[in-house]
Amino acid sequence: DLAPVVANVTAAITAARLGYGYWSIVIGQLAHTFTVGLLAWTLSPFRPSWPRALTKTLPLMKFGADLTGLSIASFAATSLNPLVIGRLFGVWEVGLFDRGYKLVSMSFIQFLTPLSRIAETSLARLYADPDRYRQAYLQFSEALILFLTPGLVCLALMPDYAVAVLYGREWTAASAIVGW
């Protein structure tokens, strides 16, 4: 997880110093993606091949398609919000929404990302056993609720304090969005 981030930062800073301007961000992202692929290919013994038993592969493909669909829907939901808000209300409101949304979402993404990796791997292994799958899913959901709920309740009940501490007093207009 750390090597791609280091590659991203190193490539982006180097490109910026060489005068590539905003393309430095793109170059950094390309370095990140390349590093992830290179590490996955070299560190994993798995090599793709044609499936031998399609009947055993189809449930895994369906599981993967479900995860892909969720990722696409999540991307669309998070990407369309600023466009709609900007179109309806203006750029100032997009800025407020962005700060408020990031404060809340980044708070739980810190827990959600590692837990999701564990959950996806574990649930994929239990896919053929519905009872164990259901039990594991409920345990992951319970852990997620246990960790996230107290922090989200604090953000909902004390948004002015959270915004002032994390962004400064000049962003207090975003407090209503954070609380909501």
N, C-alpha and C. Protein backbone atom coordinates (compact mmCIF):
# COMPACT_ATOMS: atom_id res chain seq x y z
N ASP A 1 0.82 -1.20 0.00
CA ASP A 1 0.00 0.00 0.00
C ASP A 1 0.86 1.26 0.00
N LEU A 2 2.02 1.19 0.58
CA LEU A 2 2.86 2.38 0.71
C LEU A 2 3.66 2.68 -0.56
N ALA A 3 4.16 1.66 -1.22
CA ALA A 3 5.02 1.87 -2.40
C ALA A 3 4.31 2.64 -3.52
N PRO A 4 3.06 2.33 -3.86
CA PRO A 4 2.39 3.11 -4.92
C PRO A 4 2.21 4.58 -4.55
N VAL A 5 1.96 4.86 -3.27
CA VAL A 5 1.81 6.25 -2.84
C VAL A 5 3.13 6.99 -2.97
N VAL A 6 4.22 6.33 -2.57
CA VAL A 6 5.55 6.94 -2.70
C VAL A 6 5.87 7.16 -4.18
N ALA A 7 5.55 6.19 -5.03
CA ALA A 7 5.80 6.36 -6.48
C ALA A 7 4.99 7.51 -7.03
N ASN A 8 3.74 7.64 -6.60
CA ASN A 8 2.87 8.73 -7.05
C ASN A 8 3.48 10.09 -6.68
N VAL A 9 3.82 10.26 -5.41
CA VAL A 9 4.36 11.54 -4.93
C VAL A 9 5.68 11.85 -5.61
N THR A 10 6.56 10.87 -5.71
CA THR A 10 7.88 11.08 -6.32
C THR A 10 7.73 11.48 -7.79
N ALA A 11 6.91 10.75 -8.54
CA ALA A 11 6.72 11.06 -9.96
C ALA A 11 6.06 12.42 -10.16
N ALA A 12 5.05 12.73 -9.33
CA ALA A 12 4.35 14.00 -9.48
C ALA A 12 5.26 15.19 -9.17
N ILE A 13 6.03 15.07 -8.09
CA ILE A 13 6.94 16.17 -7.73
C ILE A 13 8.04 16.33 -8.78
N THR A 14 8.58 15.21 -9.23
CA THR A 14 9.62 15.27 -10.27
C THR A 14 9.07 15.91 -11.55
N ALA A 15 7.89 15.49 -11.97
CA ALA A 15 7.28 16.06 -13.18
C ALA A 15 6.99 17.55 -13.00
N ALA A 16 6.54 17.94 -11.82
CA ALA A 16 6.28 19.36 -11.57
C ALA A 16 7.57 20.17 -11.62
N ARG A 17 8.63 19.62 -11.05
CA ARG A 17 9.92 20.34 -11.08
C ARG A 17 10.48 20.44 -12.49
N LEU A 18 10.11 19.47 -13.34
CA LEU A 18 10.56 19.51 -14.74
C LEU A 18 9.68 20.40 -15.61
N GLY A 19 8.62 20.98 -14.99
CA GLY A 19 7.79 21.94 -15.71
C GLY A 19 6.58 21.37 -16.42
N TYR A 20 6.09 20.22 -16.01
CA TYR A 20 4.94 19.62 -16.68
C TYR A 20 3.60 20.18 -16.20
N GLY A 21 3.61 21.08 -15.24
CA GLY A 21 2.39 21.74 -14.78
C GLY A 21 1.37 20.75 -14.24
N TYR A 22 0.10 20.97 -14.62
CA TYR A 22 -0.97 20.11 -14.10
C TYR A 22 -0.86 18.68 -14.58
N TRP A 23 -0.09 18.41 -15.63
CA TRP A 23 0.11 17.03 -16.08
C TRP A 23 0.90 16.22 -15.06
N SER A 24 1.54 16.91 -14.13
CA SER A 24 2.27 16.22 -13.07
C SER A 24 1.34 15.34 -12.24
N ILE A 25 0.11 15.81 -12.05
CA ILE A 25 -0.87 15.02 -11.29
C ILE A 25 -1.19 13.74 -12.04
N VAL A 26 -1.37 13.84 -13.35
CA VAL A 26 -1.67 12.67 -14.18
C VAL A 26 -0.49 11.71 -14.16
N ILE A 27 0.71 12.23 -14.28
CA ILE A 27 1.91 11.40 -14.27
C ILE A 27 2.03 10.67 -12.93
N GLY A 28 1.73 11.37 -11.83
CA GLY A 28 1.76 10.74 -10.52
C GLY A 28 0.75 9.60 -10.42
N GLN A 29 -0.46 9.81 -10.93
CA GLN A 29 -1.48 8.76 -10.91
C GLN A 29 -1.06 7.56 -11.77
N LEU A 30 -0.45 7.83 -12.92
CA LEU A 30 0.03 6.74 -13.77
C LEU A 30 1.13 5.94 -13.06
N ALA A 31 2.01 6.64 -12.37
CA ALA A 31 3.06 5.95 -11.61
C ALA A 31 2.45 5.08 -10.51
N HIS A 32 1.42 5.60 -9.86
CA HIS A 32 0.71 4.83 -8.82
C HIS A 32 0.13 3.56 -9.42
N THR A 33 -0.61 3.70 -10.51
CA THR A 33 -1.26 2.55 -11.14
C THR A 33 -0.24 1.54 -11.64
N PHE A 34 0.82 2.01 -12.26
CA PHE A 34 1.86 1.12 -12.76
C PHE A 34 2.52 0.36 -11.61
N THR A 35 2.79 1.05 -10.51
CA THR A 35 3.43 0.41 -9.35
C THR A 35 2.51 -0.65 -8.73
N VAL A 36 1.23 -0.35 -8.63
CA VAL A 36 0.28 -1.35 -8.10
C VAL A 36 0.29 -2.59 -8.98
N GLY A 37 0.20 -2.40 -10.30
CA GLY A 37 0.21 -3.54 -11.22
C GLY A 37 1.50 -4.33 -11.17
N LEU A 38 2.61 -3.63 -11.15
CA LEU A 38 3.92 -4.29 -11.10
C LEU A 38 4.07 -5.11 -9.82
N LEU A 39 3.70 -4.52 -8.68
CA LEU A 39 3.81 -5.25 -7.41
C LEU A 39 2.86 -6.44 -7.37
N ALA A 40 1.65 -6.26 -7.86
CA ALA A 40 0.69 -7.38 -7.87
C ALA A 40 1.21 -8.52 -8.73
N TRP A 41 1.78 -8.18 -9.87
CA TRP A 41 2.28 -9.21 -10.79
C TRP A 41 3.50 -9.93 -10.22
N THR A 42 4.40 -9.19 -9.59
CA THR A 42 5.63 -9.81 -9.11
C THR A 42 5.47 -10.52 -7.76
N LEU A 43 4.60 -10.01 -6.90
CA LEU A 43 4.48 -10.59 -5.56
C LEU A 43 3.42 -11.69 -5.46
N SER A 44 2.55 -11.78 -6.43
CA SER A 44 1.50 -12.79 -6.37
C SER A 44 1.85 -13.97 -7.26
N PRO A 45 1.67 -15.19 -6.76
CA PRO A 45 1.95 -16.35 -7.59
C PRO A 45 0.84 -16.60 -8.62
N PHE A 46 -0.29 -15.94 -8.47
CA PHE A 46 -1.42 -16.16 -9.37
C PHE A 46 -1.09 -15.63 -10.77
N ARG A 47 -1.40 -16.41 -11.78
CA ARG A 47 -1.29 -15.97 -13.17
C ARG A 47 -2.62 -16.30 -13.85
N PRO A 48 -3.21 -15.33 -14.52
CA PRO A 48 -4.50 -15.58 -15.16
C PRO A 48 -4.40 -16.67 -16.23
N SER A 49 -5.44 -17.48 -16.32
CA SER A 49 -5.53 -18.49 -17.37
C SER A 49 -7.01 -18.76 -17.62
N TRP A 50 -7.28 -19.49 -18.66
CA TRP A 50 -8.67 -19.83 -18.96
C TRP A 50 -9.19 -20.78 -17.89
N PRO A 51 -10.43 -20.58 -17.44
CA PRO A 51 -10.98 -21.46 -16.41
C PRO A 51 -11.15 -22.88 -16.93
N ARG A 52 -10.86 -23.84 -16.06
CA ARG A 52 -11.00 -25.24 -16.44
C ARG A 52 -12.44 -25.72 -16.24
N ALA A 53 -13.06 -25.26 -15.16
CA ALA A 53 -14.44 -25.67 -14.89
C ALA A 53 -15.30 -24.41 -14.80
N LEU A 54 -16.02 -24.12 -15.86
CA LEU A 54 -16.81 -22.89 -15.92
C LEU A 54 -17.90 -22.85 -14.85
N THR A 55 -18.43 -24.00 -14.47
CA THR A 55 -19.48 -24.01 -13.45
C THR A 55 -18.96 -23.54 -12.10
N LYS A 56 -17.69 -23.78 -11.81
CA LYS A 56 -17.10 -23.29 -10.56
C LYS A 56 -16.72 -21.82 -10.66
N THR A 57 -16.50 -21.35 -11.87
CA THR A 57 -16.06 -19.98 -12.08
C THR A 57 -17.22 -18.99 -12.08
N LEU A 58 -18.37 -19.39 -12.56
CA LEU A 58 -19.50 -18.48 -12.68
C LEU A 58 -19.91 -17.80 -11.37
N PRO A 59 -19.98 -18.52 -10.24
CA PRO A 59 -20.32 -17.82 -8.99
C PRO A 59 -19.29 -16.74 -8.62
N LEU A 60 -18.02 -17.02 -8.86
CA LEU A 60 -16.99 -16.02 -8.57
C LEU A 60 -17.11 -14.82 -9.50
N MET A 61 -17.44 -15.07 -10.77
CA MET A 61 -17.62 -13.98 -11.72
C MET A 61 -18.83 -13.11 -11.32
N LYS A 62 -19.89 -13.74 -10.84
CA LYS A 62 -21.06 -12.99 -10.39
C LYS A 62 -20.70 -12.14 -9.18
N PHE A 63 -19.95 -12.72 -8.25
CA PHE A 63 -19.50 -11.98 -7.07
C PHE A 63 -18.66 -10.76 -7.49
N GLY A 64 -17.74 -10.99 -8.42
CA GLY A 64 -16.90 -9.89 -8.93
C GLY A 64 -17.73 -8.84 -9.65
N ALA A 65 -18.73 -9.27 -10.41
CA ALA A 65 -19.60 -8.33 -11.12
C ALA A 65 -20.39 -7.49 -10.12
N ASP A 66 -20.83 -8.10 -9.03
CA ASP A 66 -21.55 -7.35 -7.99
C ASP A 66 -20.65 -6.29 -7.37
N LEU A 67 -19.40 -6.65 -7.07
CA LEU A 67 -18.46 -5.67 -6.50
C LEU A 67 -18.17 -4.55 -7.49
N THR A 68 -18.04 -4.90 -8.77
CA THR A 68 -17.79 -3.89 -9.80
C THR A 68 -18.98 -2.95 -9.92
N GLY A 69 -20.19 -3.50 -9.91
CA GLY A 69 -21.38 -2.68 -9.97
C GLY A 69 -21.48 -1.72 -8.80
N LEU A 70 -21.14 -2.20 -7.60
CA LEU A 70 -21.14 -1.34 -6.42
C LEU A 70 -20.12 -0.21 -6.57
N SER A 71 -18.93 -0.53 -7.08
CA SER A 71 -17.90 0.50 -7.27
C SER A 71 -18.34 1.55 -8.28
N ILE A 72 -18.96 1.13 -9.36
CA ILE A 72 -19.43 2.07 -10.38
C ILE A 72 -20.54 2.96 -9.82
N ALA A 73 -21.48 2.36 -9.10
CA ALA A 73 -22.57 3.13 -8.51
C ALA A 73 -22.04 4.13 -7.48
N SER A 74 -21.08 3.71 -6.66
CA SER A 74 -20.49 4.61 -5.67
C SER A 74 -19.77 5.77 -6.35
N PHE A 75 -19.03 5.47 -7.40
CA PHE A 75 -18.32 6.52 -8.14
C PHE A 75 -19.31 7.52 -8.73
N ALA A 76 -20.38 7.01 -9.35
CA ALA A 76 -21.38 7.90 -9.95
C ALA A 76 -22.05 8.77 -8.88
N ALA A 77 -22.38 8.16 -7.74
CA ALA A 77 -23.04 8.92 -6.68
C ALA A 77 -22.15 10.03 -6.14
N THR A 78 -20.88 9.76 -5.95
CA THR A 78 -19.99 10.78 -5.40
C THR A 78 -19.56 11.80 -6.44
N SER A 79 -19.53 11.42 -7.71
CA SER A 79 -19.08 12.34 -8.75
C SER A 79 -20.19 13.26 -9.24
N LEU A 80 -21.42 12.82 -9.19
CA LEU A 80 -22.52 13.62 -9.70
C LEU A 80 -23.00 14.69 -8.72
N ASN A 81 -22.82 14.46 -7.42
CA ASN A 81 -23.28 15.43 -6.43
C ASN A 81 -22.72 16.84 -6.66
N PRO A 82 -21.39 17.01 -6.78
CA PRO A 82 -20.88 18.37 -7.00
C PRO A 82 -21.38 18.99 -8.30
N LEU A 83 -21.55 18.19 -9.34
CA LEU A 83 -22.05 18.74 -10.60
C LEU A 83 -23.47 19.27 -10.45
N VAL A 84 -24.32 18.51 -9.81
CA VAL A 84 -25.71 18.94 -9.62
C VAL A 84 -25.78 20.16 -8.71
N ILE A 85 -25.04 20.14 -7.61
CA ILE A 85 -25.05 21.27 -6.67
C ILE A 85 -24.52 22.53 -7.36
N GLY A 86 -23.44 22.39 -8.12
CA GLY A 86 -22.89 23.54 -8.83
C GLY A 86 -23.86 24.10 -9.85
N ARG A 87 -24.53 23.23 -10.55
CA ARG A 87 -25.49 23.66 -11.57
C ARG A 87 -26.69 24.36 -10.95
N LEU A 88 -27.18 23.84 -9.82
CA LEU A 88 -28.37 24.39 -9.19
C LEU A 88 -28.09 25.60 -8.30
N PHE A 89 -26.94 25.59 -7.58
CA PHE A 89 -26.72 26.62 -6.56
C PHE A 89 -25.51 27.52 -6.80
N GLY A 90 -24.43 27.00 -7.38
CA GLY A 90 -23.26 27.83 -7.64
C GLY A 90 -21.98 27.26 -7.03
N VAL A 91 -20.87 27.93 -7.34
CA VAL A 91 -19.57 27.41 -6.95
C VAL A 91 -19.30 27.50 -5.45
N TRP A 92 -19.78 28.55 -4.79
CA TRP A 92 -19.57 28.67 -3.35
C TRP A 92 -20.17 27.47 -2.62
N GLU A 93 -21.38 27.09 -3.01
CA GLU A 93 -22.06 25.97 -2.39
C GLU A 93 -21.35 24.65 -2.69
N VAL A 94 -20.74 24.54 -3.89
CA VAL A 94 -19.97 23.34 -4.20
C VAL A 94 -18.78 23.23 -3.25
N GLY A 95 -18.13 24.36 -2.98
CA GLY A 95 -17.01 24.36 -2.03
C GLY A 95 -17.43 23.95 -0.63
N LEU A 96 -18.56 24.48 -0.19
CA LEU A 96 -19.06 24.11 1.14
C LEU A 96 -19.42 22.63 1.18
N PHE A 97 -20.11 22.17 0.14
CA PHE A 97 -20.48 20.76 0.07
C PHE A 97 -19.23 19.87 0.07
N ASP A 98 -18.23 20.26 -0.72
CA ASP A 98 -17.00 19.48 -0.81
C ASP A 98 -16.32 19.35 0.55
N ARG A 99 -16.17 20.45 1.26
CA ARG A 99 -15.53 20.41 2.58
C ARG A 99 -16.35 19.57 3.56
N GLY A 100 -17.65 19.78 3.59
CA GLY A 100 -18.51 19.03 4.51
C GLY A 100 -18.52 17.55 4.19
N TYR A 101 -18.64 17.24 2.91
CA TYR A 101 -18.68 15.83 2.48
C TYR A 101 -17.36 15.14 2.80
N LYS A 102 -16.24 15.80 2.52
CA LYS A 102 -14.94 15.18 2.79
C LYS A 102 -14.68 14.99 4.27
N LEU A 103 -15.15 15.92 5.09
CA LEU A 103 -14.97 15.76 6.52
C LEU A 103 -15.66 14.50 7.01
N VAL A 104 -16.89 14.29 6.57
CA VAL A 104 -17.64 13.12 7.01
C VAL A 104 -17.10 11.85 6.35
N SER A 105 -16.92 11.88 5.03
CA SER A 105 -16.52 10.65 4.34
C SER A 105 -15.11 10.22 4.69
N MET A 106 -14.19 11.13 4.80
CA MET A 106 -12.82 10.75 5.14
C MET A 106 -12.73 10.19 6.56
N SER A 107 -13.68 10.61 7.41
CA SER A 107 -13.68 10.09 8.78
C SER A 107 -13.94 8.59 8.80
N PHE A 108 -14.87 8.14 7.95
CA PHE A 108 -15.15 6.70 8.00
C PHE A 108 -14.41 5.90 6.95
N ILE A 109 -13.84 6.55 5.95
CA ILE A 109 -13.04 5.82 4.96
C ILE A 109 -11.79 5.23 5.61
N GLN A 110 -11.28 5.90 6.64
CA GLN A 110 -10.11 5.39 7.34
C GLN A 110 -10.36 4.01 7.93
N PHE A 111 -11.60 3.75 8.34
CA PHE A 111 -11.96 2.43 8.87
C PHE A 111 -12.47 1.51 7.77
N LEU A 112 -13.20 2.09 6.83
CA LEU A 112 -13.88 1.28 5.83
C LEU A 112 -12.92 0.59 4.86
N THR A 113 -11.86 1.26 4.45
CA THR A 113 -10.95 0.69 3.46
C THR A 113 -10.29 -0.60 3.94
N PRO A 114 -9.62 -0.62 5.09
CA PRO A 114 -9.01 -1.90 5.49
C PRO A 114 -10.06 -2.97 5.81
N LEU A 115 -11.18 -2.57 6.41
CA LEU A 115 -12.21 -3.55 6.72
C LEU A 115 -12.82 -4.13 5.44
N SER A 116 -12.98 -3.30 4.40
CA SER A 116 -13.52 -3.79 3.13
C SER A 116 -12.60 -4.82 2.49
N ARG A 117 -11.31 -4.58 2.55
CA ARG A 117 -10.37 -5.54 1.97
C ARG A 117 -10.47 -6.90 2.66
N ILE A 118 -10.56 -6.86 3.97
CA ILE A 118 -10.69 -8.11 4.72
C ILE A 118 -12.03 -8.77 4.41
N ALA A 119 -13.09 -7.97 4.40
CA ALA A 119 -14.44 -8.51 4.18
C ALA A 119 -14.57 -9.12 2.79
N GLU A 120 -14.08 -8.44 1.76
CA GLU A 120 -14.21 -8.96 0.39
C GLU A 120 -13.51 -10.31 0.25
N THR A 121 -12.31 -10.41 0.78
CA THR A 121 -11.56 -11.66 0.68
C THR A 121 -12.27 -12.77 1.46
N SER A 122 -12.69 -12.47 2.68
CA SER A 122 -13.35 -13.48 3.50
C SER A 122 -14.68 -13.91 2.91
N LEU A 123 -15.47 -12.95 2.45
CA LEU A 123 -16.78 -13.28 1.91
C LEU A 123 -16.67 -14.05 0.59
N ALA A 124 -15.65 -13.75 -0.19
CA ALA A 124 -15.46 -14.49 -1.45
C ALA A 124 -15.18 -15.97 -1.15
N ARG A 125 -14.46 -16.24 -0.09
CA ARG A 125 -14.15 -17.63 0.28
C ARG A 125 -15.38 -18.36 0.81
N LEU A 126 -16.32 -17.62 1.38
CA LEU A 126 -17.50 -18.23 1.99
C LEU A 126 -18.72 -18.22 1.06
N TYR A 127 -18.54 -17.80 -0.17
CA TYR A 127 -19.65 -17.61 -1.10
C TYR A 127 -20.47 -18.88 -1.29
N ALA A 128 -19.84 -20.03 -1.28
CA ALA A 128 -20.53 -21.30 -1.53
C ALA A 128 -21.31 -21.79 -0.31
N ASP A 129 -21.07 -21.23 0.86
CA ASP A 129 -21.76 -21.65 2.08
C ASP A 129 -22.63 -20.49 2.59
N PRO A 130 -23.90 -20.44 2.19
CA PRO A 130 -24.76 -19.30 2.52
C PRO A 130 -24.87 -18.99 4.02
N ASP A 131 -24.89 -20.01 4.86
CA ASP A 131 -25.03 -19.77 6.30
C ASP A 131 -23.78 -19.09 6.87
N ARG A 132 -22.62 -19.61 6.54
CA ARG A 132 -21.36 -19.00 7.02
C ARG A 132 -21.16 -17.62 6.40
N TYR A 133 -21.57 -17.46 5.13
CA TYR A 133 -21.47 -16.15 4.45
C TYR A 133 -22.32 -15.12 5.21
N ARG A 134 -23.57 -15.49 5.51
CA ARG A 134 -24.48 -14.59 6.22
C ARG A 134 -23.92 -14.23 7.60
N GLN A 135 -23.38 -15.21 8.31
CA GLN A 135 -22.80 -14.97 9.63
C GLN A 135 -21.61 -14.00 9.54
N ALA A 136 -20.73 -14.24 8.58
CA ALA A 136 -19.56 -13.36 8.41
C ALA A 136 -19.99 -11.95 8.01
N TYR A 137 -20.96 -11.86 7.12
CA TYR A 137 -21.47 -10.55 6.68
C TYR A 137 -22.02 -9.77 7.88
N LEU A 138 -22.79 -10.44 8.71
CA LEU A 138 -23.34 -9.78 9.89
C LEU A 138 -22.24 -9.34 10.86
N GLN A 139 -21.19 -10.15 11.00
CA GLN A 139 -20.08 -9.77 11.88
C GLN A 139 -19.34 -8.55 11.34
N PHE A 140 -19.11 -8.51 10.03
CA PHE A 140 -18.45 -7.35 9.43
C PHE A 140 -19.32 -6.11 9.57
N SER A 141 -20.61 -6.26 9.36
CA SER A 141 -21.53 -5.12 9.49
C SER A 141 -21.55 -4.61 10.93
N GLU A 142 -21.56 -5.52 11.87
CA GLU A 142 -21.56 -5.13 13.28
C GLU A 142 -20.28 -4.39 13.64
N ALA A 143 -19.14 -4.87 13.17
CA ALA A 143 -17.86 -4.20 13.45
C ALA A 143 -17.84 -2.80 12.83
N LEU A 144 -18.36 -2.69 11.63
CA LEU A 144 -18.40 -1.40 10.95
C LEU A 144 -19.27 -0.41 11.73
N ILE A 145 -20.44 -0.85 12.15
CA ILE A 145 -21.34 0.01 12.92
C ILE A 145 -20.72 0.38 14.25
N LEU A 146 -20.07 -0.57 14.89
CA LEU A 146 -19.44 -0.33 16.19
C LEU A 146 -18.37 0.77 16.10
N PHE A 147 -17.58 0.75 15.05
CA PHE A 147 -16.50 1.73 14.91
C PHE A 147 -16.98 3.08 14.37
N LEU A 148 -17.95 3.08 13.47
CA LEU A 148 -18.33 4.32 12.79
C LEU A 148 -19.38 5.14 13.52
N THR A 149 -20.31 4.48 14.16
CA THR A 149 -21.45 5.20 14.74
C THR A 149 -21.04 6.28 15.75
N PRO A 150 -20.18 5.99 16.71
CA PRO A 150 -19.84 7.06 17.67
C PRO A 150 -19.26 8.32 17.00
N GLY A 151 -18.36 8.12 16.05
CA GLY A 151 -17.77 9.27 15.37
C GLY A 151 -18.78 10.04 14.53
N LEU A 152 -19.64 9.32 13.84
CA LEU A 152 -20.65 9.99 13.02
C LEU A 152 -21.68 10.72 13.88
N VAL A 153 -22.01 10.15 15.03
CA VAL A 153 -22.93 10.83 15.95
C VAL A 153 -22.29 12.13 16.46
N CYS A 154 -21.01 12.07 16.78
CA CYS A 154 -20.30 13.29 17.21
C CYS A 154 -20.31 14.35 16.11
N LEU A 155 -20.07 13.93 14.87
CA LEU A 155 -20.11 14.89 13.77
C LEU A 155 -21.50 15.48 13.59
N ALA A 156 -22.53 14.66 13.76
CA ALA A 156 -23.90 15.15 13.60
C ALA A 156 -24.31 16.09 14.73
N LEU A 157 -23.85 15.81 15.95
CA LEU A 157 -24.26 16.63 17.09
C LEU A 157 -23.37 17.86 17.33
N MET A 158 -22.10 17.79 16.88
CA MET A 158 -21.17 18.90 17.09
C MET A 158 -20.47 19.30 15.79
N PRO A 159 -21.22 19.59 14.73
CA PRO A 159 -20.56 19.89 13.45
C PRO A 159 -19.75 21.18 13.49
N ASP A 160 -20.21 22.20 14.25
CA ASP A 160 -19.47 23.47 14.32
C ASP A 160 -18.07 23.26 14.89
N TYR A 161 -17.99 22.47 15.95
CA TYR A 161 -16.71 22.19 16.59
C TYR A 161 -15.79 21.41 15.64
N ALA A 162 -16.33 20.38 14.99
CA ALA A 162 -15.52 19.56 14.09
C ALA A 162 -14.97 20.39 12.93
N VAL A 163 -15.81 21.21 12.33
CA VAL A 163 -15.37 22.04 11.20
C VAL A 163 -14.33 23.06 11.66
N ALA A 164 -14.57 23.69 12.80
CA ALA A 164 -13.61 24.68 13.31
C ALA A 164 -12.26 24.05 13.60
N VAL A 165 -12.24 22.86 14.18
CA VAL A 165 -10.98 22.20 14.53
C VAL A 165 -10.25 21.74 13.28
N LEU A 166 -10.97 21.13 12.34
CA LEU A 166 -10.31 20.51 11.19
C LEU A 166 -10.06 21.47 10.03
N TYR A 167 -10.94 22.46 9.82
CA TYR A 167 -10.80 23.35 8.67
C TYR A 167 -10.55 24.81 9.04
N GLY A 168 -10.94 25.20 10.25
CA GLY A 168 -10.81 26.59 10.66
C GLY A 168 -12.16 27.29 10.67
N ARG A 169 -12.22 28.42 11.36
CA ARG A 169 -13.48 29.16 11.54
C ARG A 169 -14.06 29.68 10.22
N GLU A 170 -13.21 29.91 9.24
CA GLU A 170 -13.72 30.46 7.97
C GLU A 170 -14.60 29.47 7.20
N TRP A 171 -14.60 28.21 7.61
CA TRP A 171 -15.43 27.19 6.95
C TRP A 171 -16.67 26.82 7.75
N THR A 172 -17.03 27.60 8.76
CA THR A 172 -18.17 27.24 9.60
C THR A 172 -19.48 27.17 8.83
N ALA A 173 -19.56 27.80 7.67
CA ALA A 173 -20.77 27.69 6.85
C ALA A 173 -21.00 26.25 6.39
N ALA A 174 -19.96 25.44 6.38
CA ALA A 174 -20.10 24.05 5.99
C ALA A 174 -20.62 23.17 7.12
N SER A 175 -20.75 23.74 8.32
CA SER A 175 -21.19 22.97 9.49
C SER A 175 -22.57 22.37 9.29
N ALA A 176 -23.47 23.11 8.69
CA ALA A 176 -24.83 22.60 8.48
C ALA A 176 -24.80 21.36 7.59
N ILE A 177 -23.95 21.35 6.59
CA ILE A 177 -23.82 20.19 5.69
C ILE A 177 -23.24 19.00 6.46
N VAL A 178 -22.24 19.25 7.28
CA VAL A 178 -21.64 18.18 8.08
C VAL A 178 -22.67 17.60 9.03
N GLY A 179 -23.42 18.45 9.71
CA GLY A 179 -24.45 17.97 10.64
C GLY A 179 -25.55 17.19 9.95
N TRP A 180 -25.93 17.65 8.78
CA TRP A 180 -26.98 16.97 8.04
C TRP A 180 -26.49 15.63 7.56
